Amino acid sequence: MKRKLLESWIDKQKWIFAKSYAKTAPHEYLLLKDLTEKDKRIFKNLAKKIKEEGYDSYFYKAKFRYLRIGEYKYWSMDKTIETTNLINRDKFDANYTKNGNRKDKSAQSIL
């Protein structure tokens, strides 16, 4: 999928604010089960891009694979693309270190 099309699709989605993490790790997520069949295929494409083109980083002590797209970073907590049913996103500058500190960082966008 072309980058601009993926960005456009991402912008059109209804991201859900993670209320349970509002104070400790504010972020948003998208659920596979809430999508149309066409959007489910694009969701899986995003999950594949995260796994194949992303970078490893920490959310507190847990290591995940992230992909930067524009001002956001995207990640899944699932081990495989096939089992991915939720994709998270947060502002790219939000960085949770191994010791639990949130700090800002900057880097060039992939897209």
C-alpha atoms as a PDB file:
ATOM      1  CA  MET A   1       0.000   0.000   0.000  1.00  0.00           C
ATOM      2  CA  LYS A   2       1.312   3.433  -0.899  1.00  0.00           C
ATOM      3  CA  ARG A   3       2.303   5.629   2.008  1.00  0.00           C
ATOM      4  CA  LYS A   4      -0.038   8.512   1.194  1.00  0.00           C
ATOM      5  CA  LEU A   5      -3.006   6.149   0.932  1.00  0.00           C
ATOM      6  CA  LEU A   6      -2.149   4.567   4.278  1.00  0.00           C
ATOM      7  CA  GLU A   7      -1.815   7.996   5.900  1.00  0.00           C
ATOM      8  CA  SER A   8      -5.171   9.026   4.469  1.00  0.00           C
ATOM      9  CA  TRP A   9      -6.794   5.833   5.773  1.00  0.00           C
ATOM     10  CA  ILE A  10      -5.281   6.369   9.234  1.00  0.00           C
ATOM     11  CA  ASP A  11      -6.614   9.924   9.344  1.00  0.00           C
ATOM     12  CA  LYS A  12     -10.150   8.729   8.557  1.00  0.00           C
ATOM     13  CA  GLN A  13     -10.299   6.164  11.354  1.00  0.00           C
ATOM     14  CA  LYS A  14     -12.090   6.736  14.659  1.00  0.00           C
ATOM     15  CA  TRP A  15      -9.274   6.231  17.146  1.00  0.00           C
ATOM     16  CA  ILE A  16     -10.431   5.471  20.695  1.00  0.00           C
ATOM     17  CA  PHE A  17      -8.819   7.275  23.621  1.00  0.00           C
ATOM     18  CA  ALA A  18      -7.461   4.755  26.145  1.00  0.00           C
ATOM     19  CA  LYS A  19      -9.257   6.070  29.238  1.00  0.00           C
ATOM     20  CA  SER A  20      -7.658   3.533  31.563  1.00  0.00           C
ATOM     21  CA  TYR A  21      -4.235   4.999  30.737  1.00  0.00           C
ATOM     22  CA  ALA A  22      -5.276   8.669  30.682  1.00  0.00           C
ATOM     23  CA  LYS A  23      -2.950   9.678  33.534  1.00  0.00           C
ATOM     24  CA  THR A  24      -0.067   7.263  33.089  1.00  0.00           C
ATOM     25  CA  ALA A  25       0.250   6.670  29.339  1.00  0.00           C
ATOM     26  CA  PRO A  26      -2.313   8.578  27.285  1.00  0.00           C
ATOM     27  CA  HIS A  27      -2.722   7.074  23.836  1.00  0.00           C
ATOM     28  CA  GLU A  28      -5.344   5.919  21.343  1.00  0.00           C
ATOM     29  CA  TYR A  29      -6.175   2.578  19.785  1.00  0.00           C
ATOM     30  CA  LEU A  30      -8.088   1.059  16.887  1.00  0.00           C
ATOM     31  CA  LEU A  31      -9.915  -2.286  17.101  1.00  0.00           C
ATOM     32  CA  LEU A  32     -10.023  -4.696  14.180  1.00  0.00           C
ATOM     33  CA  LYS A  33     -13.533  -5.903  15.116  1.00  0.00           C
ATOM     34  CA  ASP A  34     -14.967  -2.397  14.621  1.00  0.00           C
ATOM     35  CA  LEU A  35     -13.861  -2.131  10.976  1.00  0.00           C
ATOM     36  CA  THR A  36     -15.444  -2.961   7.632  1.00  0.00           C
ATOM     37  CA  GLU A  37     -14.010  -5.904   5.677  1.00  0.00           C
ATOM     38  CA  LYS A  38     -12.078  -3.524   3.409  1.00  0.00           C
ATOM     39  CA  ASP A  39     -10.702  -1.602   6.381  1.00  0.00           C
ATOM     40  CA  LYS A  40      -9.711  -4.869   8.085  1.00  0.00           C
ATOM     41  CA  ARG A  41      -7.389  -5.619   5.154  1.00  0.00           C
ATOM     42  CA  ILE A  42      -5.796  -2.178   5.449  1.00  0.00           C
ATOM     43  CA  PHE A  43      -5.514  -2.620   9.239  1.00  0.00           C
ATOM     44  CA  LYS A  44      -3.593  -5.875   8.655  1.00  0.00           C
ATOM     45  CA  ASN A  45      -1.412  -4.054   6.115  1.00  0.00           C
ATOM     46  CA  LEU A  46      -0.557  -1.487   8.803  1.00  0.00           C
ATOM     47  CA  ALA A  47       0.218  -4.305  11.250  1.00  0.00           C
ATOM     48  CA  LYS A  48       2.533  -5.836   8.632  1.00  0.00           C
ATOM     49  CA  LYS A  49       4.316  -2.513   8.063  1.00  0.00           C
ATOM     50  CA  ILE A  50       4.843  -2.128  11.811  1.00  0.00           C
ATOM     51  CA  LYS A  51       6.423  -5.593  12.040  1.00  0.00           C
ATOM     52  CA  GLU A  52       8.529  -5.324   8.879  1.00  0.00           C
ATOM     53  CA  GLU A  53       9.541  -1.645   8.779  1.00  0.00           C
ATOM     54  CA  GLY A  54       9.327  -0.612  12.420  1.00  0.00           C
ATOM     55  CA  TYR A  55      11.908  -0.232  15.158  1.00  0.00           C
ATOM     56  CA  ASP A  56      12.132  -1.709  18.647  1.00  0.00           C
ATOM     57  CA  SER A  57      11.549   0.508  21.655  1.00  0.00           C
ATOM     58  CA  TYR A  58      10.246   0.258  25.192  1.00  0.00           C
ATOM     59  CA  PHE A  59       6.911   0.978  26.793  1.00  0.00           C
ATOM     60  CA  TYR A  60       8.157   0.947  30.366  1.00  0.00           C
ATOM     61  CA  LYS A  61       9.832  -2.481  30.643  1.00  0.00           C
ATOM     62  CA  ALA A  62       8.079  -4.160  27.714  1.00  0.00           C
ATOM     63  CA  LYS A  63       9.729  -4.043  24.304  1.00  0.00           C
ATOM     64  CA  PHE A  64       7.473  -3.516  21.277  1.00  0.00           C
ATOM     65  CA  ARG A  65       7.877  -2.813  17.589  1.00  0.00           C
ATOM     66  CA  TYR A  66       6.914   0.747  16.575  1.00  0.00           C
ATOM     67  CA  LEU A  67       6.423   2.521  13.281  1.00  0.00           C
ATOM     68  CA  ARG A  68       6.470   6.272  12.909  1.00  0.00           C
ATOM     69  CA  ILE A  69       3.968   7.772  10.505  1.00  0.00           C
ATOM     70  CA  GLY A  70       3.804  11.551  10.569  1.00  0.00           C
ATOM     71  CA  GLU A  71       3.511  12.857  14.128  1.00  0.00           C
ATOM     72  CA  TYR A  72       2.462   9.486  15.570  1.00  0.00           C
ATOM     73  CA  LYS A  73       4.044   6.155  16.368  1.00  0.00           C
ATOM     74  CA  TYR A  74       2.000   2.980  15.974  1.00  0.00           C
ATOM     75  CA  TRP A  75       2.418  -0.376  17.691  1.00  0.00           C
ATOM     76  CA  SER A  76       0.711  -3.638  18.416  1.00  0.00           C
ATOM     77  CA  MET A  77       1.211  -5.864  21.426  1.00  0.00           C
ATOM     78  CA  ASP A  78       0.465  -9.040  19.477  1.00  0.00           C
ATOM     79  CA  LYS A  79       3.229 -11.411  18.451  1.00  0.00           C
ATOM     80  CA  THR A  80       2.072 -11.964  14.869  1.00  0.00           C
ATOM     81  CA  ILE A  81       0.303 -10.038  12.140  1.00  0.00           C
ATOM     82  CA  GLU A  82      -2.400 -12.707  12.013  1.00  0.00           C
ATOM     83  CA  THR A  83      -3.272 -12.315  15.698  1.00  0.00           C
ATOM     84  CA  THR A  84      -3.159  -8.508  15.706  1.00  0.00           C
ATOM     85  CA  ASN A  85      -6.595  -7.205  16.653  1.00  0.00           C
ATOM     86  CA  LEU A  86      -5.628  -3.846  18.162  1.00  0.00           C
ATOM     87  CA  ILE A  87      -3.207  -1.141  17.033  1.00  0.00           C
ATOM     88  CA  ASN A  88      -2.149   1.619  19.398  1.00  0.00           C
ATOM     89  CA  ARG A  89      -0.899   5.075  18.573  1.00  0.00           C
ATOM     90  CA  ASP A  90       0.687   7.904  20.523  1.00  0.00           C
ATOM     91  CA  LYS A  91       2.447  11.133  19.661  1.00  0.00           C
ATOM     92  CA  PHE A  92       5.910  10.291  18.429  1.00  0.00           C
ATOM     93  CA  ASP A  93       7.593  12.416  21.097  1.00  0.00           C
ATOM     94  CA  ALA A  94       6.063  10.361  23.923  1.00  0.00           C
ATOM     95  CA  ASN A  95       8.713   7.900  25.007  1.00  0.00           C
ATOM     96  CA  TYR A  96       8.395   5.539  27.967  1.00  0.00           C
ATOM     97  CA  THR A  97      11.758   4.260  29.109  1.00  0.00           C
ATOM     98  CA  LYS A  98      12.612   0.958  30.755  1.00  0.00           C
ATOM     99  CA  ASN A  99      12.583   2.609  34.174  1.00  0.00           C
ATOM    100  CA  GLY A 100       9.100   4.051  33.653  1.00  0.00           C
ATOM    101  CA  ASN A 101      10.006   7.638  32.858  1.00  0.00           C
ATOM    102  CA  ARG A 102       8.301   9.492  30.053  1.00  0.00           C
ATOM    103  CA  LYS A 103      10.631  11.660  28.025  1.00  0.00           C
ATOM    104  CA  ASP A 104      10.543  13.425  24.697  1.00  0.00           C
ATOM    105  CA  LYS A 105      12.605  12.493  21.694  1.00  0.00           C
ATOM    106  CA  SER A 106      12.732  13.595  18.123  1.00  0.00           C
ATOM    107  CA  ALA A 107      13.644  11.900  14.872  1.00  0.00           C
ATOM    108  CA  GLN A 108      12.803  12.137  11.230  1.00  0.00           C
ATOM    109  CA  SER A 109       9.497  10.705  10.130  1.00  0.00           C
ATOM    110  CA  ILE A 110       9.528   7.554   8.024  1.00  0.00           C
ATOM    111  CA  LEU A 111       6.583   8.837   6.022  1.00  0.00           C
END
